[in-house]
């Protein structure tokens, strides 16, 4: 058994609850410097606190954080809320959204394989993409491949994908990435949007209910 598989076995032995995998894909490109990156970090803290306030969701919601600029980085591997640490966010670089989406989908596939190896039940996965821009600095082919993969995963009910835009986000281009219309923030109201994210994944983790029963996104 590899070290990775051994670690998984220990993790799931300690907590055999069914899981709801959730990947937060967050923009850390140069346009995020200053107030935006600080507000995003505070929003992530709000998300963690909201999950921790629900004892069962804290054990069932598996959260990973992927950051993207010119490079895509796994800032936080999958952890339940009681083990989740908000990563440091540093802004700088371009906006490689397509590569970040692909990374998030790959993470989910690997996590599902880990669940299966350890006989852990799981619910439909969630991806929340937060950006103040649009794909920039990567080829159209990379973005299109990510777009098509999202549609395949959505059609097979494997993944539920949301885009959340703010600042100068290109609504038209973000809408092209997803089967759902982007959620657009007024200002930097991350705390309210992350409270909605936490309520949504909590509902799935606690009841197994599908997308049509989730609370509507806030008018933010």
N, C-alpha and C. Protein backbone atom coordinates (compact mmCIF):
# COMPACT_ATOMS: atom_id res chain seq x y z
N UNK A 1 0.85 -1.20 0.00
CA UNK A 1 0.00 0.00 0.00
C UNK A 1 0.89 1.25 0.00
N UNK A 2 0.60 2.20 -0.89
CA UNK A 2 1.39 3.43 -0.95
C UNK A 2 1.11 4.28 0.26
N UNK A 3 2.02 5.26 0.50
CA UNK A 3 1.82 6.16 1.64
C UNK A 3 0.51 6.92 1.50
N UNK A 4 0.18 7.33 0.25
CA UNK A 4 -1.05 8.09 0.02
C UNK A 4 -2.26 7.24 0.37
N UNK A 5 -2.28 6.00 -0.10
CA UNK A 5 -3.42 5.12 0.19
C UNK A 5 -3.50 4.81 1.69
N UNK A 6 -2.35 4.67 2.33
CA UNK A 6 -2.34 4.42 3.77
C UNK A 6 -2.93 5.60 4.53
N UNK A 7 -2.54 6.80 4.13
CA UNK A 7 -3.08 8.00 4.77
C UNK A 7 -4.59 8.08 4.60
N UNK A 8 -5.06 7.75 3.38
CA UNK A 8 -6.50 7.75 3.13
C UNK A 8 -7.20 6.73 4.02
N UNK A 9 -6.62 5.55 4.13
CA UNK A 9 -7.23 4.50 4.95
C UNK A 9 -7.35 4.95 6.41
N UNK A 10 -6.33 5.62 6.90
CA UNK A 10 -6.37 6.12 8.28
C UNK A 10 -7.44 7.19 8.42
N UNK A 11 -7.46 8.11 7.45
CA UNK A 11 -8.45 9.19 7.49
C UNK A 11 -9.87 8.65 7.53
N UNK A 12 -10.18 7.71 6.64
CA UNK A 12 -11.55 7.21 6.55
C UNK A 12 -11.89 6.26 7.69
N UNK A 13 -10.90 5.60 8.25
CA UNK A 13 -11.16 4.79 9.44
C UNK A 13 -11.57 5.67 10.61
N UNK A 14 -10.95 6.83 10.72
CA UNK A 14 -11.28 7.76 11.80
C UNK A 14 -12.63 8.44 11.57
N UNK A 15 -13.00 8.59 10.28
CA UNK A 15 -14.25 9.28 9.95
C UNK A 15 -14.90 8.59 8.74
N UNK A 16 -15.74 7.57 8.97
CA UNK A 16 -16.34 6.82 7.87
C UNK A 16 -17.64 7.44 7.33
N UNK A 17 -17.94 8.67 7.70
CA UNK A 17 -19.15 9.33 7.22
C UNK A 17 -19.12 9.47 5.69
N UNK A 18 -20.31 9.41 5.03
CA UNK A 18 -20.35 9.71 3.59
C UNK A 18 -19.89 11.14 3.33
N UNK A 19 -19.37 11.38 2.13
CA UNK A 19 -18.74 12.68 1.86
C UNK A 19 -19.41 13.42 0.70
N UNK A 20 -19.34 14.74 0.80
CA UNK A 20 -19.74 15.65 -0.28
C UNK A 20 -18.50 16.44 -0.69
N UNK A 21 -17.82 16.04 -1.78
CA UNK A 21 -16.61 16.76 -2.19
C UNK A 21 -16.93 18.12 -2.80
N UNK A 22 -16.18 19.12 -2.40
CA UNK A 22 -16.38 20.50 -2.85
C UNK A 22 -15.03 21.14 -3.13
N UNK A 23 -14.87 21.66 -4.35
CA UNK A 23 -13.63 22.34 -4.71
C UNK A 23 -13.92 23.82 -4.92
N UNK A 24 -13.21 24.66 -4.19
CA UNK A 24 -13.27 26.11 -4.37
C UNK A 24 -12.12 26.51 -5.28
N UNK A 25 -12.44 27.06 -6.44
CA UNK A 25 -11.44 27.43 -7.44
C UNK A 25 -11.37 28.95 -7.46
N UNK A 26 -10.30 29.52 -6.92
CA UNK A 26 -10.28 30.96 -6.65
C UNK A 26 -9.18 31.67 -7.42
N UNK A 27 -9.53 32.82 -7.92
CA UNK A 27 -8.66 33.67 -8.73
C UNK A 27 -7.64 34.37 -7.84
N UNK A 28 -6.36 34.20 -8.16
CA UNK A 28 -5.31 34.95 -7.47
C UNK A 28 -4.42 35.67 -8.48
N UNK A 29 -5.00 36.06 -9.61
CA UNK A 29 -4.24 36.79 -10.63
C UNK A 29 -3.93 38.21 -10.14
N UNK A 30 -3.17 38.95 -10.92
CA UNK A 30 -2.69 40.27 -10.48
C UNK A 30 -3.81 41.25 -10.19
N UNK A 31 -4.95 41.11 -10.87
CA UNK A 31 -6.07 42.03 -10.63
C UNK A 31 -6.70 41.84 -9.25
N UNK A 32 -6.33 40.77 -8.56
CA UNK A 32 -6.88 40.49 -7.23
C UNK A 32 -6.10 41.15 -6.11
N UNK A 33 -5.04 41.86 -6.42
CA UNK A 33 -4.20 42.45 -5.37
C UNK A 33 -4.99 43.43 -4.51
N UNK A 34 -4.61 43.48 -3.24
CA UNK A 34 -5.19 44.48 -2.34
C UNK A 34 -6.50 44.04 -1.73
N UNK A 35 -7.49 44.89 -1.82
CA UNK A 35 -8.77 44.69 -1.14
C UNK A 35 -9.46 43.40 -1.57
N UNK A 36 -9.36 43.06 -2.86
CA UNK A 36 -10.07 41.87 -3.34
C UNK A 36 -9.54 40.59 -2.71
N UNK A 37 -8.23 40.43 -2.66
CA UNK A 37 -7.66 39.20 -2.11
C UNK A 37 -7.92 39.11 -0.61
N UNK A 38 -7.92 40.27 0.06
CA UNK A 38 -8.21 40.29 1.50
C UNK A 38 -9.66 39.90 1.77
N UNK A 39 -10.58 40.42 0.96
CA UNK A 39 -12.00 40.09 1.14
C UNK A 39 -12.25 38.62 0.83
N UNK A 40 -11.57 38.08 -0.18
CA UNK A 40 -11.72 36.67 -0.51
C UNK A 40 -11.24 35.78 0.63
N UNK A 41 -10.11 36.15 1.22
CA UNK A 41 -9.59 35.37 2.35
C UNK A 41 -10.57 35.38 3.51
N UNK A 42 -11.16 36.51 3.80
CA UNK A 42 -12.14 36.59 4.88
C UNK A 42 -13.38 35.75 4.56
N UNK A 43 -13.76 35.74 3.27
CA UNK A 43 -14.89 34.91 2.87
C UNK A 43 -14.63 33.43 3.10
N UNK A 44 -13.41 32.98 2.84
CA UNK A 44 -13.05 31.59 3.09
C UNK A 44 -13.10 31.27 4.59
N UNK A 45 -12.70 32.22 5.41
CA UNK A 45 -12.80 32.03 6.86
C UNK A 45 -14.27 31.89 7.28
N UNK A 46 -15.14 32.68 6.68
CA UNK A 46 -16.57 32.59 6.96
C UNK A 46 -17.11 31.23 6.56
N UNK A 47 -16.69 30.74 5.40
CA UNK A 47 -17.11 29.43 4.92
C UNK A 47 -16.72 28.33 5.91
N UNK A 48 -15.48 28.36 6.36
CA UNK A 48 -15.01 27.36 7.32
C UNK A 48 -15.83 27.41 8.61
N UNK A 49 -16.04 28.60 9.14
CA UNK A 49 -16.79 28.75 10.39
C UNK A 49 -18.22 28.23 10.24
N UNK A 50 -18.85 28.54 9.11
CA UNK A 50 -20.23 28.10 8.89
C UNK A 50 -20.33 26.58 8.86
N UNK A 51 -19.38 25.91 8.23
CA UNK A 51 -19.38 24.44 8.21
C UNK A 51 -19.13 23.87 9.60
N UNK A 52 -18.21 24.48 10.32
CA UNK A 52 -17.88 23.98 11.66
C UNK A 52 -19.06 24.10 12.62
N UNK A 53 -19.95 25.04 12.35
CA UNK A 53 -21.11 25.22 13.22
C UNK A 53 -22.14 24.11 13.07
N UNK A 54 -21.98 23.27 12.04
CA UNK A 54 -22.85 22.12 11.85
C UNK A 54 -22.00 20.86 12.04
N UNK A 55 -22.20 20.16 13.16
CA UNK A 55 -21.29 19.08 13.53
C UNK A 55 -21.24 17.97 12.49
N UNK A 56 -22.39 17.62 11.88
CA UNK A 56 -22.39 16.54 10.91
C UNK A 56 -21.78 17.00 9.58
N UNK A 57 -22.13 18.20 9.13
CA UNK A 57 -21.55 18.73 7.90
C UNK A 57 -20.03 18.87 8.02
N UNK A 58 -19.56 19.19 9.22
CA UNK A 58 -18.12 19.33 9.44
C UNK A 58 -17.38 18.02 9.18
N UNK A 59 -18.08 16.91 9.33
CA UNK A 59 -17.47 15.59 9.09
C UNK A 59 -17.70 15.09 7.67
N UNK A 60 -18.71 15.64 6.98
CA UNK A 60 -19.09 15.09 5.68
C UNK A 60 -18.65 15.93 4.49
N UNK A 61 -18.51 17.22 4.64
CA UNK A 61 -18.13 18.07 3.51
C UNK A 61 -16.61 18.06 3.36
N UNK A 62 -16.14 17.54 2.25
CA UNK A 62 -14.72 17.51 1.92
C UNK A 62 -14.39 18.73 1.06
N UNK A 63 -13.50 19.58 1.52
CA UNK A 63 -13.19 20.83 0.83
C UNK A 63 -11.74 20.83 0.34
N UNK A 64 -11.55 21.21 -0.93
CA UNK A 64 -10.22 21.49 -1.47
C UNK A 64 -10.23 22.89 -2.06
N UNK A 65 -9.08 23.53 -2.08
CA UNK A 65 -8.95 24.87 -2.66
C UNK A 65 -7.89 24.84 -3.75
N UNK A 66 -8.29 25.28 -4.94
CA UNK A 66 -7.37 25.44 -6.07
C UNK A 66 -7.27 26.92 -6.37
N UNK A 67 -6.06 27.46 -6.42
CA UNK A 67 -5.87 28.85 -6.80
C UNK A 67 -5.29 28.91 -8.21
N UNK A 68 -5.61 29.98 -8.91
CA UNK A 68 -5.09 30.09 -10.28
C UNK A 68 -4.68 31.51 -10.60
N UNK A 69 -3.56 31.61 -11.25
CA UNK A 69 -3.04 32.83 -11.86
C UNK A 69 -2.35 32.34 -13.13
N UNK A 70 -1.07 32.68 -13.33
CA UNK A 70 -0.34 32.06 -14.43
C UNK A 70 -0.13 30.58 -14.15
N UNK A 71 0.07 30.24 -12.87
CA UNK A 71 0.17 28.86 -12.45
C UNK A 71 -1.09 28.46 -11.68
N UNK A 72 -1.44 27.20 -11.80
CA UNK A 72 -2.54 26.64 -11.02
C UNK A 72 -1.93 25.87 -9.86
N UNK A 73 -2.46 26.10 -8.67
CA UNK A 73 -1.86 25.51 -7.47
C UNK A 73 -2.93 24.86 -6.60
N UNK A 74 -2.63 23.66 -6.10
CA UNK A 74 -3.48 23.04 -5.08
C UNK A 74 -3.10 23.66 -3.74
N UNK A 75 -3.89 24.64 -3.32
CA UNK A 75 -3.57 25.38 -2.10
C UNK A 75 -3.99 24.63 -0.84
N UNK A 76 -5.01 23.78 -0.97
CA UNK A 76 -5.49 22.99 0.17
C UNK A 76 -6.04 21.68 -0.37
N UNK A 77 -5.42 20.53 -0.07
CA UNK A 77 -5.99 19.24 -0.48
C UNK A 77 -7.33 19.00 0.21
N UNK A 78 -8.05 17.99 -0.22
CA UNK A 78 -9.33 17.68 0.39
C UNK A 78 -9.18 17.45 1.89
N UNK A 79 -10.00 18.19 2.64
CA UNK A 79 -10.08 18.04 4.09
C UNK A 79 -11.53 18.26 4.52
N UNK A 80 -11.97 17.54 5.53
CA UNK A 80 -13.25 17.89 6.12
C UNK A 80 -13.09 19.20 6.88
N UNK A 81 -14.22 19.85 7.16
CA UNK A 81 -14.17 21.20 7.73
C UNK A 81 -13.43 21.24 9.06
N UNK A 82 -13.49 20.15 9.82
CA UNK A 82 -12.81 20.16 11.11
C UNK A 82 -11.29 20.10 10.96
N UNK A 83 -10.81 19.78 9.73
CA UNK A 83 -9.37 19.74 9.46
C UNK A 83 -8.93 20.82 8.47
N UNK A 84 -9.87 21.58 7.96
CA UNK A 84 -9.59 22.54 6.89
C UNK A 84 -8.86 23.77 7.42
N UNK A 85 -7.81 24.17 6.71
CA UNK A 85 -7.09 25.40 7.02
C UNK A 85 -7.17 26.35 5.83
N UNK A 86 -7.61 27.57 6.07
CA UNK A 86 -7.69 28.54 4.98
C UNK A 86 -6.28 28.87 4.50
N UNK A 87 -6.00 28.67 3.21
CA UNK A 87 -4.64 28.89 2.73
C UNK A 87 -4.30 30.36 2.58
N UNK A 88 -3.02 30.66 2.58
CA UNK A 88 -2.56 32.00 2.28
C UNK A 88 -2.78 32.27 0.80
N UNK A 89 -3.29 33.44 0.47
CA UNK A 89 -3.56 33.82 -0.92
C UNK A 89 -2.66 34.97 -1.31
N UNK A 90 -1.91 34.78 -2.40
CA UNK A 90 -1.00 35.81 -2.90
C UNK A 90 -1.35 36.08 -4.35
N UNK A 91 -1.62 37.35 -4.67
CA UNK A 91 -2.06 37.70 -6.02
C UNK A 91 -0.88 38.03 -6.93
N UNK A 92 -1.02 37.64 -8.22
CA UNK A 92 -0.01 37.98 -9.22
C UNK A 92 -0.07 37.02 -10.39
N UNK A 93 -0.04 37.57 -11.62
CA UNK A 93 -0.03 36.70 -12.79
C UNK A 93 -1.29 36.83 -13.62
N UNK A 94 -1.39 35.92 -14.61
CA UNK A 94 -2.52 35.94 -15.55
C UNK A 94 -3.69 35.12 -14.99
N UNK A 95 -4.63 34.74 -15.86
CA UNK A 95 -5.89 34.15 -15.39
C UNK A 95 -6.16 32.84 -16.12
N UNK A 96 -5.53 31.77 -15.66
CA UNK A 96 -5.64 30.47 -16.34
C UNK A 96 -6.83 29.68 -15.79
N UNK A 97 -8.01 30.11 -16.18
CA UNK A 97 -9.24 29.51 -15.68
C UNK A 97 -9.43 28.10 -16.23
N UNK A 98 -9.16 27.89 -17.52
CA UNK A 98 -9.36 26.57 -18.10
C UNK A 98 -8.52 25.50 -17.41
N UNK A 99 -7.25 25.81 -17.18
CA UNK A 99 -6.37 24.86 -16.50
C UNK A 99 -6.83 24.62 -15.06
N UNK A 100 -7.35 25.65 -14.42
CA UNK A 100 -7.83 25.50 -13.04
C UNK A 100 -9.05 24.58 -12.97
N UNK A 101 -9.97 24.73 -13.92
CA UNK A 101 -11.15 23.85 -13.96
C UNK A 101 -10.73 22.41 -14.16
N UNK A 102 -9.80 22.19 -15.09
CA UNK A 102 -9.32 20.83 -15.34
C UNK A 102 -8.68 20.24 -14.10
N UNK A 103 -7.89 21.04 -13.39
CA UNK A 103 -7.27 20.57 -12.14
C UNK A 103 -8.33 20.18 -11.12
N UNK A 104 -9.37 21.00 -10.98
CA UNK A 104 -10.44 20.71 -10.03
C UNK A 104 -11.15 19.40 -10.38
N UNK A 105 -11.43 19.19 -11.65
CA UNK A 105 -12.10 17.96 -12.07
C UNK A 105 -11.21 16.74 -11.84
N UNK A 106 -9.92 16.88 -12.10
CA UNK A 106 -8.99 15.78 -11.83
C UNK A 106 -8.95 15.45 -10.34
N UNK A 107 -8.95 16.47 -9.51
CA UNK A 107 -8.96 16.26 -8.05
C UNK A 107 -10.18 15.47 -7.61
N UNK A 108 -11.32 15.84 -8.17
CA UNK A 108 -12.56 15.15 -7.80
C UNK A 108 -12.51 13.69 -8.23
N UNK A 109 -12.02 13.43 -9.43
CA UNK A 109 -11.93 12.04 -9.89
C UNK A 109 -11.03 11.21 -8.98
N UNK A 110 -9.89 11.77 -8.60
CA UNK A 110 -8.99 11.05 -7.70
C UNK A 110 -9.63 10.85 -6.33
N UNK A 111 -10.34 11.85 -5.84
CA UNK A 111 -10.99 11.73 -4.53
C UNK A 111 -12.07 10.64 -4.57
N UNK A 112 -12.82 10.58 -5.66
CA UNK A 112 -13.84 9.53 -5.78
C UNK A 112 -13.20 8.14 -5.79
N UNK A 113 -12.07 8.00 -6.45
CA UNK A 113 -11.38 6.71 -6.44
C UNK A 113 -10.95 6.34 -5.02
N UNK A 114 -10.55 7.34 -4.27
CA UNK A 114 -10.17 7.10 -2.88
C UNK A 114 -11.37 6.66 -2.04
N UNK A 115 -12.53 7.31 -2.27
CA UNK A 115 -13.75 6.88 -1.58
C UNK A 115 -14.05 5.41 -1.88
N UNK A 116 -13.98 5.06 -3.17
CA UNK A 116 -14.31 3.69 -3.57
C UNK A 116 -13.36 2.67 -2.96
N UNK A 117 -12.06 3.01 -2.94
CA UNK A 117 -11.08 2.08 -2.36
C UNK A 117 -11.38 1.82 -0.90
N UNK A 118 -11.92 2.83 -0.23
CA UNK A 118 -12.14 2.73 1.21
C UNK A 118 -13.61 2.53 1.58
N UNK A 119 -14.44 2.24 0.54
CA UNK A 119 -15.86 1.93 0.75
C UNK A 119 -16.59 3.06 1.47
N UNK A 120 -16.33 4.28 1.02
CA UNK A 120 -16.99 5.47 1.57
C UNK A 120 -18.04 5.95 0.58
N UNK A 121 -19.27 6.10 1.03
CA UNK A 121 -20.32 6.65 0.18
C UNK A 121 -20.05 8.13 -0.07
N UNK A 122 -20.54 8.64 -1.21
CA UNK A 122 -20.34 10.06 -1.48
C UNK A 122 -21.49 10.59 -2.33
N UNK A 123 -21.65 11.93 -2.25
CA UNK A 123 -22.69 12.62 -3.00
C UNK A 123 -22.06 13.33 -4.20
N UNK A 124 -22.91 13.90 -5.00
CA UNK A 124 -22.48 14.66 -6.17
C UNK A 124 -21.47 15.73 -5.76
N UNK A 125 -20.43 15.88 -6.57
CA UNK A 125 -19.37 16.85 -6.27
C UNK A 125 -19.78 18.26 -6.67
N UNK A 126 -19.14 19.23 -6.02
CA UNK A 126 -19.41 20.64 -6.28
C UNK A 126 -18.11 21.36 -6.64
N UNK A 127 -18.22 22.27 -7.60
CA UNK A 127 -17.12 23.18 -7.92
C UNK A 127 -17.68 24.60 -7.93
N UNK A 128 -17.01 25.49 -7.21
CA UNK A 128 -17.36 26.91 -7.21
C UNK A 128 -16.15 27.70 -7.72
N UNK A 129 -16.30 28.34 -8.86
CA UNK A 129 -15.23 29.15 -9.46
C UNK A 129 -15.49 30.61 -9.16
N UNK A 130 -14.51 31.28 -8.53
CA UNK A 130 -14.64 32.71 -8.20
C UNK A 130 -13.57 33.48 -8.92
N UNK A 131 -13.98 34.51 -9.70
CA UNK A 131 -13.03 35.27 -10.48
C UNK A 131 -13.51 36.70 -10.71
N UNK A 132 -12.54 37.60 -10.88
CA UNK A 132 -12.88 38.99 -11.24
C UNK A 132 -12.55 39.26 -12.71
N UNK A 133 -12.36 38.20 -13.49
CA UNK A 133 -11.97 38.42 -14.88
C UNK A 133 -12.58 37.41 -15.82
N UNK A 134 -11.74 36.85 -16.68
CA UNK A 134 -12.11 35.85 -17.68
C UNK A 134 -10.83 35.14 -18.06
N UNK A 135 -10.92 34.00 -18.77
CA UNK A 135 -9.69 33.32 -19.18
C UNK A 135 -8.72 34.26 -19.91
N UNK A 136 -7.46 34.24 -19.48
CA UNK A 136 -6.46 35.12 -20.08
C UNK A 136 -5.08 34.47 -19.93
N UNK A 137 -4.35 34.41 -21.05
CA UNK A 137 -2.99 33.90 -21.01
C UNK A 137 -2.88 32.42 -21.31
N UNK A 138 -3.98 31.75 -21.65
CA UNK A 138 -3.95 30.35 -22.04
C UNK A 138 -4.68 30.20 -23.38
N UNK A 139 -4.47 29.08 -24.06
CA UNK A 139 -5.03 28.91 -25.39
C UNK A 139 -6.53 28.67 -25.33
N UNK A 140 -7.20 28.98 -26.43
CA UNK A 140 -8.63 28.71 -26.54
C UNK A 140 -8.91 27.22 -26.40
N UNK A 141 -7.99 26.38 -26.87
CA UNK A 141 -8.18 24.93 -26.80
C UNK A 141 -8.27 24.45 -25.35
N UNK A 142 -7.45 25.01 -24.48
CA UNK A 142 -7.48 24.63 -23.07
C UNK A 142 -8.81 25.02 -22.44
N UNK A 143 -9.28 26.22 -22.74
CA UNK A 143 -10.55 26.69 -22.19
C UNK A 143 -11.71 25.86 -22.73
N UNK A 144 -11.69 25.58 -24.02
CA UNK A 144 -12.78 24.80 -24.62
C UNK A 144 -12.82 23.38 -24.07
N UNK A 145 -11.66 22.79 -23.86
CA UNK A 145 -11.62 21.43 -23.31
C UNK A 145 -12.21 21.41 -21.90
N UNK A 146 -11.91 22.43 -21.10
CA UNK A 146 -12.48 22.52 -19.76
C UNK A 146 -14.00 22.70 -19.82
N UNK A 147 -14.44 23.55 -20.74
CA UNK A 147 -15.87 23.79 -20.92
C UNK A 147 -16.61 22.50 -21.28
N UNK A 148 -16.08 21.76 -22.22
CA UNK A 148 -16.74 20.53 -22.65
C UNK A 148 -16.74 19.49 -21.55
N UNK A 149 -15.67 19.44 -20.80
CA UNK A 149 -15.61 18.47 -19.71
C UNK A 149 -16.62 18.79 -18.63
N UNK A 150 -16.79 20.07 -18.32
CA UNK A 150 -17.82 20.48 -17.35
C UNK A 150 -19.20 20.02 -17.82
N UNK A 151 -19.50 20.21 -19.09
CA UNK A 151 -20.81 19.82 -19.61
C UNK A 151 -21.02 18.31 -19.53
N UNK A 152 -20.00 17.54 -19.81
CA UNK A 152 -20.12 16.09 -19.70
C UNK A 152 -20.37 15.67 -18.26
N UNK A 153 -19.65 16.28 -17.33
CA UNK A 153 -19.81 15.94 -15.92
C UNK A 153 -21.18 16.36 -15.39
N UNK A 154 -21.65 17.53 -15.84
CA UNK A 154 -22.98 17.98 -15.43
C UNK A 154 -24.06 17.05 -15.99
N UNK A 155 -23.93 16.67 -17.25
CA UNK A 155 -24.94 15.83 -17.88
C UNK A 155 -25.02 14.44 -17.25
N UNK A 156 -23.92 13.98 -16.70
CA UNK A 156 -23.92 12.68 -16.03
C UNK A 156 -24.21 12.80 -14.53
N UNK A 157 -24.56 14.01 -14.08
CA UNK A 157 -24.87 14.28 -12.67
C UNK A 157 -23.71 13.94 -11.74
N UNK A 158 -22.49 14.11 -12.25
CA UNK A 158 -21.30 13.84 -11.44
C UNK A 158 -20.81 15.08 -10.72
N UNK A 159 -21.03 16.26 -11.33
CA UNK A 159 -20.51 17.52 -10.80
C UNK A 159 -21.57 18.59 -10.94
N UNK A 160 -21.62 19.47 -9.97
CA UNK A 160 -22.45 20.67 -10.02
C UNK A 160 -21.50 21.86 -10.02
N UNK A 161 -21.50 22.66 -11.10
CA UNK A 161 -20.50 23.70 -11.32
C UNK A 161 -21.15 25.08 -11.33
N UNK A 162 -20.60 25.99 -10.50
CA UNK A 162 -21.08 27.37 -10.45
C UNK A 162 -19.93 28.32 -10.72
N UNK A 163 -20.21 29.40 -11.44
CA UNK A 163 -19.26 30.50 -11.58
C UNK A 163 -19.78 31.69 -10.80
N UNK A 164 -18.88 32.34 -10.07
CA UNK A 164 -19.21 33.50 -9.26
C UNK A 164 -18.27 34.62 -9.68
N UNK A 165 -18.84 35.67 -10.25
CA UNK A 165 -18.04 36.77 -10.76
C UNK A 165 -18.16 38.02 -9.90
N UNK A 166 -17.14 38.85 -9.94
CA UNK A 166 -17.15 40.11 -9.20
C UNK A 166 -16.18 41.06 -9.89
N UNK A 167 -16.19 42.31 -9.48
CA UNK A 167 -15.28 43.29 -10.08
C UNK A 167 -15.50 43.42 -11.57
N UNK A 168 -14.44 43.19 -12.36
CA UNK A 168 -14.50 43.34 -13.81
C UNK A 168 -14.76 42.02 -14.54
N UNK A 169 -15.36 41.05 -13.87
CA UNK A 169 -15.60 39.74 -14.48
C UNK A 169 -16.40 39.88 -15.77
N UNK A 170 -16.01 39.10 -16.77
CA UNK A 170 -16.67 39.09 -18.07
C UNK A 170 -17.84 38.11 -18.01
N UNK A 171 -19.04 38.63 -17.82
CA UNK A 171 -20.22 37.79 -17.62
C UNK A 171 -20.45 36.87 -18.82
N UNK A 172 -20.29 37.40 -20.03
CA UNK A 172 -20.56 36.59 -21.22
C UNK A 172 -19.62 35.40 -21.29
N UNK A 173 -18.34 35.62 -21.07
CA UNK A 173 -17.38 34.52 -21.17
C UNK A 173 -17.54 33.52 -20.02
N UNK A 174 -17.87 34.02 -18.85
CA UNK A 174 -18.11 33.10 -17.74
C UNK A 174 -19.36 32.25 -17.99
N UNK A 175 -20.39 32.86 -18.56
CA UNK A 175 -21.61 32.11 -18.87
C UNK A 175 -21.34 30.99 -19.86
N UNK A 176 -20.37 31.19 -20.74
CA UNK A 176 -20.04 30.18 -21.74
C UNK A 176 -19.37 28.95 -21.13
N UNK A 177 -18.84 29.10 -19.92
CA UNK A 177 -18.15 27.98 -19.27
C UNK A 177 -19.10 26.99 -18.62
N UNK A 178 -20.30 27.43 -18.27
CA UNK A 178 -21.16 26.65 -17.39
C UNK A 178 -22.54 26.47 -18.00
N UNK A 179 -23.28 25.49 -17.48
CA UNK A 179 -24.67 25.31 -17.89
C UNK A 179 -25.58 26.26 -17.12
N UNK A 180 -25.02 26.96 -16.11
CA UNK A 180 -25.79 27.90 -15.30
C UNK A 180 -25.28 29.33 -15.53
N UNK A 181 -26.17 30.27 -15.35
CA UNK A 181 -25.77 31.66 -15.44
C UNK A 181 -24.83 32.00 -14.29
N UNK A 182 -23.82 32.84 -14.52
CA UNK A 182 -22.93 33.24 -13.42
C UNK A 182 -23.69 33.99 -12.33
N UNK A 183 -23.23 33.83 -11.11
CA UNK A 183 -23.72 34.63 -9.99
C UNK A 183 -22.78 35.82 -9.87
N UNK A 184 -23.32 37.03 -9.94
CA UNK A 184 -22.49 38.22 -9.93
C UNK A 184 -22.64 38.96 -8.59
N UNK A 185 -21.50 39.24 -7.97
CA UNK A 185 -21.48 39.97 -6.71
C UNK A 185 -21.48 41.46 -6.98
N UNK A 186 -22.20 42.17 -6.12
CA UNK A 186 -22.08 43.64 -6.09
C UNK A 186 -21.02 43.98 -5.06
N UNK A 187 -19.97 44.59 -5.48
CA UNK A 187 -18.87 44.88 -4.56
C UNK A 187 -18.10 43.61 -4.26
N UNK A 188 -17.69 43.46 -3.01
CA UNK A 188 -16.89 42.31 -2.59
C UNK A 188 -17.59 41.58 -1.45
N UNK A 189 -18.85 41.25 -1.68
CA UNK A 189 -19.67 40.66 -0.64
C UNK A 189 -19.42 39.14 -0.55
N UNK A 190 -18.18 38.76 -0.25
CA UNK A 190 -17.82 37.35 -0.22
C UNK A 190 -18.44 36.61 0.95
N UNK A 191 -18.60 37.28 2.06
CA UNK A 191 -19.13 36.57 3.23
C UNK A 191 -20.52 36.03 2.95
N UNK A 192 -21.38 36.82 2.33
CA UNK A 192 -22.74 36.34 2.04
C UNK A 192 -22.72 35.20 1.02
N UNK A 193 -21.88 35.31 0.00
CA UNK A 193 -21.85 34.24 -1.01
C UNK A 193 -21.28 32.96 -0.41
N UNK A 194 -20.29 33.06 0.46
CA UNK A 194 -19.75 31.85 1.07
C UNK A 194 -20.72 31.25 2.09
N UNK A 195 -21.55 32.06 2.72
CA UNK A 195 -22.60 31.51 3.57
C UNK A 195 -23.60 30.72 2.73
N UNK A 196 -23.91 31.22 1.53
CA UNK A 196 -24.79 30.46 0.63
C UNK A 196 -24.13 29.16 0.18
N UNK A 197 -22.85 29.22 -0.16
CA UNK A 197 -22.13 28.01 -0.55
C UNK A 197 -22.18 26.99 0.58
N UNK A 198 -21.91 27.43 1.79
CA UNK A 198 -21.89 26.50 2.93
C UNK A 198 -23.28 25.90 3.16
N UNK A 199 -24.34 26.70 3.07
CA UNK A 199 -25.68 26.17 3.25
C UNK A 199 -26.02 25.15 2.17
N UNK A 200 -25.58 25.41 0.95
CA UNK A 200 -25.87 24.51 -0.16
C UNK A 200 -25.21 23.16 0.04
N UNK A 201 -23.91 23.16 0.34
CA UNK A 201 -23.22 21.88 0.51
C UNK A 201 -23.65 21.18 1.79
N UNK A 202 -24.02 21.93 2.82
CA UNK A 202 -24.54 21.31 4.03
C UNK A 202 -25.83 20.56 3.74
N UNK A 203 -26.72 21.16 2.94
CA UNK A 203 -27.99 20.52 2.63
C UNK A 203 -27.76 19.19 1.91
N UNK A 204 -26.85 19.18 0.95
CA UNK A 204 -26.55 17.95 0.24
C UNK A 204 -25.91 16.93 1.17
N UNK A 205 -24.95 17.36 1.96
CA UNK A 205 -24.23 16.44 2.85
C UNK A 205 -25.15 15.83 3.90
N UNK A 206 -26.15 16.58 4.34
CA UNK A 206 -27.02 16.09 5.41
C UNK A 206 -28.19 15.28 4.89
N UNK A 207 -28.66 15.58 3.67
CA UNK A 207 -29.87 14.93 3.18
C UNK A 207 -29.67 14.17 1.88
N UNK A 208 -28.58 14.47 1.15
CA UNK A 208 -28.38 13.84 -0.15
C UNK A 208 -29.28 14.39 -1.22
N UNK A 209 -29.96 15.51 -0.97
CA UNK A 209 -30.89 16.08 -1.94
C UNK A 209 -30.13 16.68 -3.11
N UNK A 210 -30.78 16.73 -4.26
CA UNK A 210 -30.13 17.20 -5.47
C UNK A 210 -30.28 18.70 -5.65
N UNK A 211 -29.75 19.20 -6.74
CA UNK A 211 -29.64 20.62 -7.01
C UNK A 211 -30.96 21.37 -6.95
N UNK A 212 -32.06 20.76 -7.41
CA UNK A 212 -33.31 21.51 -7.49
C UNK A 212 -33.90 21.83 -6.12
N UNK A 213 -33.36 21.29 -5.05
CA UNK A 213 -33.88 21.57 -3.72
C UNK A 213 -32.99 22.50 -2.92
N UNK A 214 -31.95 23.05 -3.56
CA UNK A 214 -31.01 23.90 -2.85
C UNK A 214 -31.56 25.31 -2.70
N UNK A 215 -31.07 26.06 -1.71
CA UNK A 215 -31.50 27.46 -1.58
C UNK A 215 -31.04 28.27 -2.79
N UNK A 216 -31.86 29.23 -3.23
CA UNK A 216 -31.45 30.05 -4.38
C UNK A 216 -30.24 30.91 -4.01
N UNK A 217 -29.40 31.22 -5.01
CA UNK A 217 -28.25 32.09 -4.73
C UNK A 217 -28.73 33.44 -4.22
N UNK A 218 -27.96 34.07 -3.36
CA UNK A 218 -28.36 35.39 -2.85
C UNK A 218 -28.24 36.45 -3.93
N UNK A 219 -29.03 37.48 -3.80
CA UNK A 219 -28.92 38.64 -4.71
C UNK A 219 -27.81 39.51 -4.18
N UNK A 220 -26.56 39.20 -4.56
CA UNK A 220 -25.42 39.90 -4.00
C UNK A 220 -24.74 40.77 -5.03
